[in-house]
Each structure stands twice: as C-alpha cells, then as structure tokens.
Amino acid sequence: MAALERLALRYVERFSTTRARLAEYLTRKIRARGWEGNSADPVAIAERMAELGYIDDRAFGEARASAMARRGLGKRRVTGAFRQAGIEEEDAAALVPAIEARALEAALTFARRKRIGPYAQGEADRPLREKQIAAMIRGGHDFTLSRRIASMAPGEDVDNLSREWS
C-alpha cells in the first residue's frame, strides 16, 4: 500500500490531475504490475491526496477552462473536457458562469486562428461559410454566435459584435 501511495505522490508531483484521473492511473498501474499483499484502493488514495491538498478538481477545472478559452474553444468543448477528466458535476457547474462570460472572447479567438468572418482574407461564399460555422460548432461554440461571426465581412469591426452580444 505504501508503494502505491508513493506512486500516487510521484504522479501528482509531476502532473496536474483530478481525483478520477489519479484513481484511473493507479488502477492501470495495479493491473500492469500486478499487486502483491493487501488489496489496494486507488479511489481511497486519490481521496487522501485531495484531502492533503495535493489535488484540487476545481482548480484543475479553472486552469483547463482558461487554457481552452485561450485556444479559442467554446463551452461545449470545455465541459466535455471536464467530463473526460472526471470533474464532478458540482465543480463543473461552479465553473460554467466563468466559461460563459468568456464565450465571445473565445469565439473571436477561434475565428482569428481559423481566419473566419472578420479575420478572413476575402468574402466567403455560402459553402465556405457553412464549413466555417461547422468548424466553430465543433470548437464548442454556440450556433447563433458562430453564424454571426462567420457572416461578418472581412475587416468588419468586432466591437459592434461585443456590444451586441453582451
């Protein structure tokens, strides 16, 4: 059991993680290496690491949401990443208002990266605009906002959109 706790401690030293991910990692290690002696409980070890303050799911979620917003990803992608990381619903729900507050900023970042709407080189025809909207939706953005950004003319002022959307 002490060896598994050392393994868990080494993992949380090296990686920002959640309780669920740590328990999953420990379970994989137990299966891969086999385990002699007392039965090990990866979930209990993960809970203990959280009690000691080595793991904080909400802080992990805040950092992940912030990083994803900087990359231009929207709410659906961020909340999907929360589910994948094993962040509990109450922690995820507490983070959603901050994600929604940055929705426009993240969408514009995505549009800038992909050269959509006001950041495009030239006017988009309908099939291209539909592809751009689809890309924004896959990026986790709201359909209405995606359509509005994709329909903007190249070089159009995004401040109008900021006033309109907020």
N, C-alpha and C. Protein backbone atom coordinates (compact mmCIF):
# COMPACT_ATOMS: atom_id res chain seq x y z
N MET A 1 0.82 -1.19 0.00
CA MET A 1 0.00 0.00 0.00
C MET A 1 0.87 1.26 0.00
N ALA A 2 1.96 1.23 0.75
CA ALA A 2 2.86 2.38 0.80
C ALA A 2 3.49 2.64 -0.56
N ALA A 3 3.79 1.57 -1.28
CA ALA A 3 4.38 1.72 -2.62
C ALA A 3 3.39 2.41 -3.56
N LEU A 4 2.12 2.05 -3.44
CA LEU A 4 1.10 2.67 -4.30
C LEU A 4 0.93 4.14 -3.93
N GLU A 5 1.00 4.46 -2.66
CA GLU A 5 0.91 5.86 -2.25
C GLU A 5 2.10 6.66 -2.75
N ARG A 6 3.29 6.07 -2.74
CA ARG A 6 4.47 6.75 -3.29
C ARG A 6 4.30 6.98 -4.78
N LEU A 7 3.75 5.99 -5.46
CA LEU A 7 3.49 6.12 -6.89
C LEU A 7 2.51 7.26 -7.15
N ALA A 8 1.47 7.33 -6.33
CA ALA A 8 0.47 8.39 -6.47
C ALA A 8 1.10 9.75 -6.19
N LEU A 9 1.92 9.83 -5.17
CA LEU A 9 2.57 11.08 -4.82
C LEU A 9 3.49 11.55 -5.95
N ARG A 10 4.23 10.63 -6.52
CA ARG A 10 5.10 10.98 -7.65
C ARG A 10 4.28 11.49 -8.83
N TYR A 11 3.14 10.88 -9.06
CA TYR A 11 2.28 11.29 -10.17
C TYR A 11 1.76 12.71 -9.96
N VAL A 12 1.26 13.01 -8.75
CA VAL A 12 0.72 14.36 -8.51
C VAL A 12 1.82 15.41 -8.43
N GLU A 13 3.05 15.00 -8.15
CA GLU A 13 4.19 15.93 -8.22
C GLU A 13 4.42 16.39 -9.65
N ARG A 14 4.28 15.46 -10.57
CA ARG A 14 4.63 15.72 -11.97
C ARG A 14 3.50 16.29 -12.80
N PHE A 15 2.26 15.93 -12.47
CA PHE A 15 1.13 16.30 -13.32
C PHE A 15 0.01 16.95 -12.53
N SER A 16 -0.62 17.94 -13.15
CA SER A 16 -1.86 18.49 -12.61
C SER A 16 -2.93 17.48 -12.97
N THR A 17 -3.72 17.08 -11.99
CA THR A 17 -4.66 16.00 -12.24
C THR A 17 -5.91 16.16 -11.39
N THR A 18 -6.85 15.25 -11.59
CA THR A 18 -8.07 15.20 -10.79
C THR A 18 -8.08 13.90 -10.01
N ARG A 19 -9.01 13.81 -9.07
CA ARG A 19 -9.12 12.56 -8.29
C ARG A 19 -9.42 11.38 -9.20
N ALA A 20 -10.33 11.57 -10.14
CA ALA A 20 -10.71 10.48 -11.03
C ALA A 20 -9.54 10.02 -11.90
N ARG A 21 -8.79 10.97 -12.41
CA ARG A 21 -7.63 10.60 -13.25
C ARG A 21 -6.56 9.89 -12.44
N LEU A 22 -6.32 10.32 -11.22
CA LEU A 22 -5.33 9.66 -10.39
C LEU A 22 -5.77 8.24 -10.07
N ALA A 23 -7.04 8.06 -9.72
CA ALA A 23 -7.54 6.72 -9.43
C ALA A 23 -7.43 5.82 -10.67
N GLU A 24 -7.72 6.37 -11.83
CA GLU A 24 -7.60 5.62 -13.08
C GLU A 24 -6.15 5.22 -13.35
N TYR A 25 -5.24 6.14 -13.13
CA TYR A 25 -3.81 5.87 -13.31
C TYR A 25 -3.36 4.76 -12.36
N LEU A 26 -3.73 4.85 -11.11
CA LEU A 26 -3.34 3.83 -10.13
C LEU A 26 -3.93 2.46 -10.48
N THR A 27 -5.16 2.45 -10.94
CA THR A 27 -5.79 1.19 -11.36
C THR A 27 -5.02 0.57 -12.52
N ARG A 28 -4.62 1.40 -13.49
CA ARG A 28 -3.82 0.89 -14.61
C ARG A 28 -2.51 0.30 -14.13
N LYS A 29 -1.86 1.00 -13.19
CA LYS A 29 -0.58 0.52 -12.68
C LYS A 29 -0.74 -0.80 -11.92
N ILE A 30 -1.81 -0.93 -11.16
CA ILE A 30 -2.07 -2.18 -10.43
C ILE A 30 -2.25 -3.32 -11.42
N ARG A 31 -3.03 -3.08 -12.48
CA ARG A 31 -3.25 -4.12 -13.49
C ARG A 31 -1.96 -4.47 -14.22
N ALA A 32 -1.18 -3.46 -14.56
CA ALA A 32 0.03 -3.68 -15.34
C ALA A 32 1.11 -4.40 -14.54
N ARG A 33 1.26 -4.03 -13.30
CA ARG A 33 2.34 -4.58 -12.49
C ARG A 33 1.91 -5.76 -11.63
N GLY A 34 0.63 -5.94 -11.48
CA GLY A 34 0.16 -6.94 -10.54
C GLY A 34 0.37 -6.37 -9.15
N TRP A 35 -0.35 -6.86 -8.18
CA TRP A 35 -0.20 -6.29 -6.85
C TRP A 35 -0.16 -7.39 -5.82
N GLU A 36 0.91 -7.39 -5.06
CA GLU A 36 1.11 -8.37 -4.00
C GLU A 36 0.66 -7.77 -2.68
N GLY A 37 0.18 -8.58 -1.78
CA GLY A 37 -0.13 -8.11 -0.43
C GLY A 37 -1.53 -7.59 -0.31
N ASN A 38 -1.69 -6.56 0.55
CA ASN A 38 -3.02 -6.01 0.85
C ASN A 38 -3.68 -5.48 -0.41
N SER A 39 -5.00 -5.59 -0.43
CA SER A 39 -5.72 -5.07 -1.59
C SER A 39 -5.63 -3.54 -1.56
N ALA A 40 -5.38 -2.98 -2.70
CA ALA A 40 -5.20 -1.53 -2.81
C ALA A 40 -6.50 -0.89 -3.28
N ASP A 41 -6.77 0.28 -2.78
CA ASP A 41 -7.96 1.03 -3.17
C ASP A 41 -7.53 2.36 -3.79
N PRO A 42 -7.43 2.41 -5.11
CA PRO A 42 -6.99 3.63 -5.78
C PRO A 42 -7.87 4.85 -5.50
N VAL A 43 -9.18 4.63 -5.36
CA VAL A 43 -10.09 5.74 -5.10
C VAL A 43 -9.81 6.35 -3.73
N ALA A 44 -9.56 5.50 -2.74
CA ALA A 44 -9.25 5.99 -1.39
C ALA A 44 -7.94 6.77 -1.38
N ILE A 45 -6.97 6.30 -2.14
CA ILE A 45 -5.69 7.01 -2.21
C ILE A 45 -5.88 8.37 -2.89
N ALA A 46 -6.68 8.40 -3.94
CA ALA A 46 -6.95 9.67 -4.63
C ALA A 46 -7.68 10.64 -3.68
N GLU A 47 -8.62 10.13 -2.91
CA GLU A 47 -9.34 10.98 -1.95
C GLU A 47 -8.38 11.51 -0.89
N ARG A 48 -7.47 10.67 -0.45
CA ARG A 48 -6.49 11.10 0.55
C ARG A 48 -5.60 12.21 -0.02
N MET A 49 -5.18 12.08 -1.26
CA MET A 49 -4.36 13.11 -1.90
C MET A 49 -5.15 14.43 -2.00
N ALA A 50 -6.44 14.32 -2.23
CA ALA A 50 -7.29 15.52 -2.29
C ALA A 50 -7.42 16.15 -0.90
N GLU A 51 -7.59 15.32 0.12
CA GLU A 51 -7.69 15.83 1.49
C GLU A 51 -6.41 16.54 1.90
N LEU A 52 -5.28 16.03 1.46
CA LEU A 52 -3.99 16.64 1.79
C LEU A 52 -3.72 17.91 0.98
N GLY A 53 -4.57 18.16 -0.02
CA GLY A 53 -4.42 19.37 -0.82
C GLY A 53 -3.52 19.19 -2.04
N TYR A 54 -3.13 17.97 -2.33
CA TYR A 54 -2.28 17.73 -3.49
C TYR A 54 -3.08 17.75 -4.79
N ILE A 55 -4.38 17.51 -4.68
CA ILE A 55 -5.27 17.51 -5.85
C ILE A 55 -6.44 18.43 -5.54
N ASP A 56 -6.79 19.27 -6.49
CA ASP A 56 -7.95 20.14 -6.35
C ASP A 56 -8.66 20.15 -7.70
N ASP A 57 -9.78 19.43 -7.76
CA ASP A 57 -10.51 19.29 -9.03
C ASP A 57 -10.98 20.64 -9.56
N ARG A 58 -11.44 21.51 -8.68
CA ARG A 58 -11.96 22.80 -9.14
C ARG A 58 -10.83 23.66 -9.71
N ALA A 59 -9.69 23.67 -9.05
CA ALA A 59 -8.54 24.44 -9.56
C ALA A 59 -8.07 23.87 -10.88
N PHE A 60 -8.08 22.54 -11.00
CA PHE A 60 -7.72 21.90 -12.26
C PHE A 60 -8.70 22.35 -13.35
N GLY A 61 -10.00 22.36 -13.03
CA GLY A 61 -11.01 22.78 -13.99
C GLY A 61 -10.85 24.22 -14.41
N GLU A 62 -10.54 25.10 -13.46
CA GLU A 62 -10.33 26.51 -13.79
C GLU A 62 -9.15 26.68 -14.74
N ALA A 63 -8.07 25.98 -14.44
CA ALA A 63 -6.88 26.07 -15.30
C ALA A 63 -7.17 25.51 -16.69
N ARG A 64 -7.86 24.38 -16.74
CA ARG A 64 -8.18 23.77 -18.03
C ARG A 64 -9.11 24.67 -18.83
N ALA A 65 -10.13 25.23 -18.19
CA ALA A 65 -11.07 26.11 -18.88
C ALA A 65 -10.36 27.35 -19.42
N SER A 66 -9.48 27.91 -18.63
CA SER A 66 -8.74 29.10 -19.05
C SER A 66 -7.85 28.79 -20.24
N ALA A 67 -7.14 27.67 -20.18
CA ALA A 67 -6.26 27.29 -21.28
C ALA A 67 -7.05 27.03 -22.55
N MET A 68 -8.19 26.37 -22.42
CA MET A 68 -9.01 26.07 -23.60
C MET A 68 -9.61 27.34 -24.18
N ALA A 69 -9.99 28.28 -23.34
CA ALA A 69 -10.53 29.56 -23.83
C ALA A 69 -9.45 30.34 -24.58
N ARG A 70 -8.23 30.29 -24.07
CA ARG A 70 -7.13 30.98 -24.77
C ARG A 70 -6.89 30.37 -26.15
N ARG A 71 -7.17 29.08 -26.29
CA ARG A 71 -7.03 28.41 -27.59
C ARG A 71 -8.25 28.64 -28.48
N GLY A 72 -9.30 29.26 -27.92
CA GLY A 72 -10.48 29.59 -28.70
C GLY A 72 -11.56 28.52 -28.67
N LEU A 73 -11.53 27.64 -27.70
CA LEU A 73 -12.54 26.59 -27.63
C LEU A 73 -13.72 27.03 -26.78
N GLY A 74 -14.90 26.56 -27.16
CA GLY A 74 -16.13 27.01 -26.53
C GLY A 74 -16.60 26.14 -25.38
N LYS A 75 -17.75 26.53 -24.85
CA LYS A 75 -18.31 25.92 -23.65
C LYS A 75 -18.51 24.41 -23.78
N ARG A 76 -19.07 23.96 -24.88
CA ARG A 76 -19.32 22.52 -25.02
C ARG A 76 -18.03 21.71 -25.00
N ARG A 77 -16.99 22.21 -25.64
CA ARG A 77 -15.70 21.50 -25.63
C ARG A 77 -15.11 21.50 -24.23
N VAL A 78 -15.22 22.63 -23.52
CA VAL A 78 -14.66 22.74 -22.18
C VAL A 78 -15.40 21.80 -21.22
N THR A 79 -16.72 21.82 -21.24
CA THR A 79 -17.47 20.95 -20.34
C THR A 79 -17.25 19.48 -20.69
N GLY A 80 -17.03 19.18 -21.97
CA GLY A 80 -16.68 17.82 -22.36
C GLY A 80 -15.33 17.40 -21.79
N ALA A 81 -14.40 18.33 -21.77
CA ALA A 81 -13.09 18.05 -21.18
C ALA A 81 -13.22 17.83 -19.68
N PHE A 82 -14.14 18.54 -19.04
CA PHE A 82 -14.39 18.32 -17.61
C PHE A 82 -14.88 16.89 -17.36
N ARG A 83 -15.84 16.46 -18.17
CA ARG A 83 -16.36 15.09 -18.01
C ARG A 83 -15.26 14.07 -18.23
N GLN A 84 -14.45 14.29 -19.24
CA GLN A 84 -13.37 13.37 -19.56
C GLN A 84 -12.34 13.31 -18.43
N ALA A 85 -12.10 14.44 -17.77
CA ALA A 85 -11.13 14.50 -16.68
C ALA A 85 -11.71 13.97 -15.38
N GLY A 86 -13.02 13.72 -15.35
CA GLY A 86 -13.64 13.19 -14.15
C GLY A 86 -13.98 14.25 -13.12
N ILE A 87 -14.13 15.48 -13.54
CA ILE A 87 -14.52 16.55 -12.62
C ILE A 87 -16.00 16.38 -12.31
N GLU A 88 -16.33 16.39 -11.03
CA GLU A 88 -17.71 16.18 -10.61
C GLU A 88 -18.61 17.31 -11.09
N GLU A 89 -19.90 16.99 -11.21
CA GLU A 89 -20.88 17.93 -11.74
C GLU A 89 -20.94 19.24 -10.96
N GLU A 90 -20.87 19.17 -9.63
CA GLU A 90 -20.97 20.40 -8.84
C GLU A 90 -19.78 21.32 -9.09
N ASP A 91 -18.59 20.76 -9.25
CA ASP A 91 -17.42 21.59 -9.56
C ASP A 91 -17.52 22.17 -10.96
N ALA A 92 -17.97 21.34 -11.90
CA ALA A 92 -18.13 21.82 -13.28
C ALA A 92 -19.19 22.91 -13.35
N ALA A 93 -20.30 22.72 -12.64
CA ALA A 93 -21.37 23.72 -12.65
C ALA A 93 -20.90 25.05 -12.07
N ALA A 94 -20.00 25.00 -11.09
CA ALA A 94 -19.48 26.23 -10.50
C ALA A 94 -18.59 26.99 -11.48
N LEU A 95 -18.00 26.29 -12.43
CA LEU A 95 -17.09 26.92 -13.38
C LEU A 95 -17.79 27.44 -14.64
N VAL A 96 -19.01 26.97 -14.90
CA VAL A 96 -19.73 27.33 -16.13
C VAL A 96 -19.95 28.83 -16.29
N PRO A 97 -20.35 29.58 -15.25
CA PRO A 97 -20.55 31.03 -15.46
C PRO A 97 -19.30 31.75 -15.98
N ALA A 98 -18.15 31.36 -15.49
CA ALA A 98 -16.90 31.99 -15.97
C ALA A 98 -16.65 31.64 -17.43
N ILE A 99 -16.99 30.42 -17.82
CA ILE A 99 -16.82 29.99 -19.21
C ILE A 99 -17.76 30.78 -20.10
N GLU A 100 -19.01 30.93 -19.66
CA GLU A 100 -19.99 31.66 -20.46
C GLU A 100 -19.63 33.14 -20.59
N ALA A 101 -19.00 33.69 -19.56
CA ALA A 101 -18.60 35.10 -19.60
C ALA A 101 -17.52 35.34 -20.65
N ARG A 102 -16.72 34.30 -20.94
CA ARG A 102 -15.65 34.45 -21.93
C ARG A 102 -16.02 33.84 -23.28
N ALA A 103 -17.29 33.54 -23.50
CA ALA A 103 -17.72 32.86 -24.72
C ALA A 103 -17.39 33.68 -25.98
N LEU A 104 -17.69 34.95 -25.96
CA LEU A 104 -17.44 35.79 -27.13
C LEU A 104 -15.95 35.91 -27.40
N GLU A 105 -15.18 36.14 -26.35
CA GLU A 105 -13.73 36.25 -26.50
C GLU A 105 -13.13 34.97 -27.08
N ALA A 106 -13.58 33.81 -26.58
CA ALA A 106 -13.08 32.53 -27.08
C ALA A 106 -13.49 32.33 -28.53
N ALA A 107 -14.72 32.70 -28.88
CA ALA A 107 -15.19 32.53 -30.25
C ALA A 107 -14.40 33.41 -31.21
N LEU A 108 -14.11 34.62 -30.79
CA LEU A 108 -13.32 35.51 -31.65
C LEU A 108 -11.87 35.02 -31.78
N THR A 109 -11.34 34.45 -30.72
CA THR A 109 -10.00 33.87 -30.79
C THR A 109 -9.99 32.72 -31.79
N PHE A 110 -11.02 31.87 -31.73
CA PHE A 110 -11.13 30.76 -32.66
C PHE A 110 -11.24 31.28 -34.10
N ALA A 111 -12.07 32.29 -34.29
CA ALA A 111 -12.25 32.87 -35.63
C ALA A 111 -10.95 33.47 -36.14
N ARG A 112 -10.19 34.11 -35.27
CA ARG A 112 -8.91 34.69 -35.66
C ARG A 112 -7.94 33.59 -36.09
N ARG A 113 -7.87 32.52 -35.30
CA ARG A 113 -6.96 31.41 -35.62
C ARG A 113 -7.31 30.75 -36.95
N LYS A 114 -8.61 30.60 -37.21
CA LYS A 114 -9.06 29.90 -38.41
C LYS A 114 -9.38 30.85 -39.57
N ARG A 115 -9.16 32.14 -39.35
CA ARG A 115 -9.43 33.16 -40.38
C ARG A 115 -10.88 33.10 -40.87
N ILE A 116 -11.77 33.25 -39.92
CA ILE A 116 -13.21 33.21 -40.19
C ILE A 116 -13.79 34.60 -39.98
N GLY A 117 -14.78 34.95 -40.81
CA GLY A 117 -15.52 36.20 -40.64
C GLY A 117 -14.65 37.43 -40.76
N PRO A 118 -14.56 38.23 -39.71
CA PRO A 118 -13.81 39.50 -39.80
C PRO A 118 -12.30 39.28 -39.96
N TYR A 119 -11.84 38.09 -39.75
CA TYR A 119 -10.40 37.79 -39.86
C TYR A 119 -10.05 37.07 -41.16
N ALA A 120 -11.04 36.88 -42.04
CA ALA A 120 -10.83 36.18 -43.30
C ALA A 120 -10.07 37.06 -44.29
N GLN A 121 -9.44 36.41 -45.26
CA GLN A 121 -8.71 37.14 -46.30
C GLN A 121 -9.67 37.75 -47.32
N GLY A 122 -10.77 37.03 -47.57
CA GLY A 122 -11.74 37.51 -48.55
C GLY A 122 -13.14 37.09 -48.15
N GLU A 123 -14.11 37.56 -48.90
CA GLU A 123 -15.51 37.24 -48.64
C GLU A 123 -15.75 35.75 -48.85
N ALA A 124 -16.47 35.12 -47.93
CA ALA A 124 -16.74 33.68 -48.03
C ALA A 124 -18.07 33.45 -48.75
N ASP A 125 -18.06 32.47 -49.67
CA ASP A 125 -19.32 32.10 -50.30
C ASP A 125 -20.08 31.18 -49.34
N ARG A 126 -21.30 30.84 -49.71
CA ARG A 126 -22.16 30.08 -48.79
C ARG A 126 -21.55 28.74 -48.36
N PRO A 127 -21.05 27.89 -49.27
CA PRO A 127 -20.47 26.61 -48.81
C PRO A 127 -19.29 26.79 -47.85
N LEU A 128 -18.45 27.77 -48.12
CA LEU A 128 -17.32 28.02 -47.23
C LEU A 128 -17.80 28.53 -45.88
N ARG A 129 -18.79 29.42 -45.90
CA ARG A 129 -19.34 29.94 -44.65
C ARG A 129 -19.96 28.82 -43.82
N GLU A 130 -20.63 27.87 -44.49
CA GLU A 130 -21.21 26.72 -43.77
C GLU A 130 -20.11 25.87 -43.14
N LYS A 131 -19.00 25.70 -43.84
CA LYS A 131 -17.87 24.95 -43.28
C LYS A 131 -17.28 25.69 -42.08
N GLN A 132 -17.21 27.00 -42.19
CA GLN A 132 -16.67 27.79 -41.09
C GLN A 132 -17.57 27.70 -39.86
N ILE A 133 -18.87 27.76 -40.08
CA ILE A 133 -19.82 27.64 -38.97
C ILE A 133 -19.67 26.25 -38.34
N ALA A 134 -19.57 25.23 -39.17
CA ALA A 134 -19.41 23.86 -38.65
C ALA A 134 -18.12 23.72 -37.83
N ALA A 135 -17.05 24.36 -38.28
CA ALA A 135 -15.79 24.32 -37.55
C ALA A 135 -15.94 24.99 -36.19
N MET A 136 -16.65 26.10 -36.15
CA MET A 136 -16.85 26.78 -34.87
C MET A 136 -17.73 25.95 -33.93
N ILE A 137 -18.71 25.29 -34.48
CA ILE A 137 -19.56 24.44 -33.65
C ILE A 137 -18.75 23.27 -33.11
N ARG A 138 -17.90 22.66 -33.95
CA ARG A 138 -17.03 21.59 -33.45
C ARG A 138 -16.07 22.11 -32.40
N GLY A 139 -15.74 23.39 -32.47
CA GLY A 139 -14.89 24.02 -31.47
C GLY A 139 -15.63 24.30 -30.17
N GLY A 140 -16.92 23.98 -30.13
CA GLY A 140 -17.70 24.10 -28.90
C GLY A 140 -18.49 25.38 -28.77
N HIS A 141 -18.61 26.14 -29.85
CA HIS A 141 -19.30 27.43 -29.77
C HIS A 141 -20.77 27.30 -30.14
N ASP A 142 -21.54 28.24 -29.65
CA ASP A 142 -22.98 28.32 -29.89
C ASP A 142 -23.25 28.56 -31.38
N PHE A 143 -24.29 27.93 -31.90
CA PHE A 143 -24.61 28.07 -33.32
C PHE A 143 -24.89 29.52 -33.70
N THR A 144 -25.68 30.22 -32.89
CA THR A 144 -26.05 31.59 -33.22
C THR A 144 -24.81 32.49 -33.29
N LEU A 145 -23.94 32.36 -32.31
CA LEU A 145 -22.72 33.16 -32.31
C LEU A 145 -21.81 32.77 -33.47
N SER A 146 -21.71 31.49 -33.74
CA SER A 146 -20.89 31.01 -34.86
C SER A 146 -21.38 31.57 -36.18
N ARG A 147 -22.68 31.53 -36.38
CA ARG A 147 -23.26 32.04 -37.62
C ARG A 147 -23.04 33.55 -37.74
N ARG A 148 -23.18 34.25 -36.62
CA ARG A 148 -23.00 35.71 -36.64
C ARG A 148 -21.56 36.08 -36.99
N ILE A 149 -20.60 35.39 -36.40
CA ILE A 149 -19.19 35.69 -36.68
C ILE A 149 -18.83 35.31 -38.12
N ALA A 150 -19.28 34.15 -38.57
CA ALA A 150 -18.95 33.70 -39.92
C ALA A 150 -19.57 34.60 -40.99
N SER A 151 -20.69 35.24 -40.66
CA SER A 151 -21.35 36.10 -41.65
C SER A 151 -20.78 37.52 -41.67
N MET A 152 -19.86 37.82 -40.78
CA MET A 152 -19.24 39.15 -40.77
C MET A 152 -18.31 39.30 -41.98
N ALA A 153 -18.23 40.52 -42.47
CA ALA A 153 -17.36 40.81 -43.62
C ALA A 153 -15.91 40.88 -43.15
N PRO A 154 -14.98 40.52 -44.03
CA PRO A 154 -13.56 40.63 -43.66
C PRO A 154 -13.22 42.07 -43.26
N GLY A 155 -12.54 42.20 -42.14
CA GLY A 155 -12.16 43.52 -41.66
C GLY A 155 -13.23 44.26 -40.88
N GLU A 156 -14.42 43.69 -40.77
CA GLU A 156 -15.51 44.34 -40.05
C GLU A 156 -15.13 44.49 -38.57
N ASP A 157 -15.54 45.56 -37.97
CA ASP A 157 -15.20 45.86 -36.58
C ASP A 157 -15.92 44.90 -35.63
N VAL A 158 -15.16 44.20 -34.80
CA VAL A 158 -15.74 43.24 -33.86
C VAL A 158 -16.29 43.93 -32.62
N ASP A 159 -16.02 45.21 -32.44
CA ASP A 159 -16.57 45.93 -31.28
C ASP A 159 -18.09 45.99 -31.35
N ASN A 160 -18.63 46.09 -32.57
CA ASN A 160 -20.09 46.08 -32.73
C ASN A 160 -20.65 44.76 -32.21
N LEU A 161 -19.96 43.68 -32.51
CA LEU A 161 -20.40 42.37 -32.05
C LEU A 161 -20.31 42.29 -30.53
N SER A 162 -19.28 42.86 -29.94
CA SER A 162 -19.12 42.85 -28.50
C SER A 162 -20.28 43.56 -27.81
N ARG A 163 -20.68 44.69 -28.36
CA ARG A 163 -21.81 45.44 -27.77
C ARG A 163 -23.11 44.68 -27.98
N GLU A 164 -23.27 44.08 -29.13
CA GLU A 164 -24.49 43.36 -29.49
C GLU A 164 -24.63 42.07 -28.66
N TRP A 165 -23.54 41.39 -28.41
CA TRP A 165 -23.60 40.08 -27.78
C TRP A 165 -23.67 40.15 -26.26
N SER A 166 -23.16 41.20 -25.64
CA SER A 166 -23.13 41.25 -24.18
C SER A 166 -24.39 41.78 -23.58
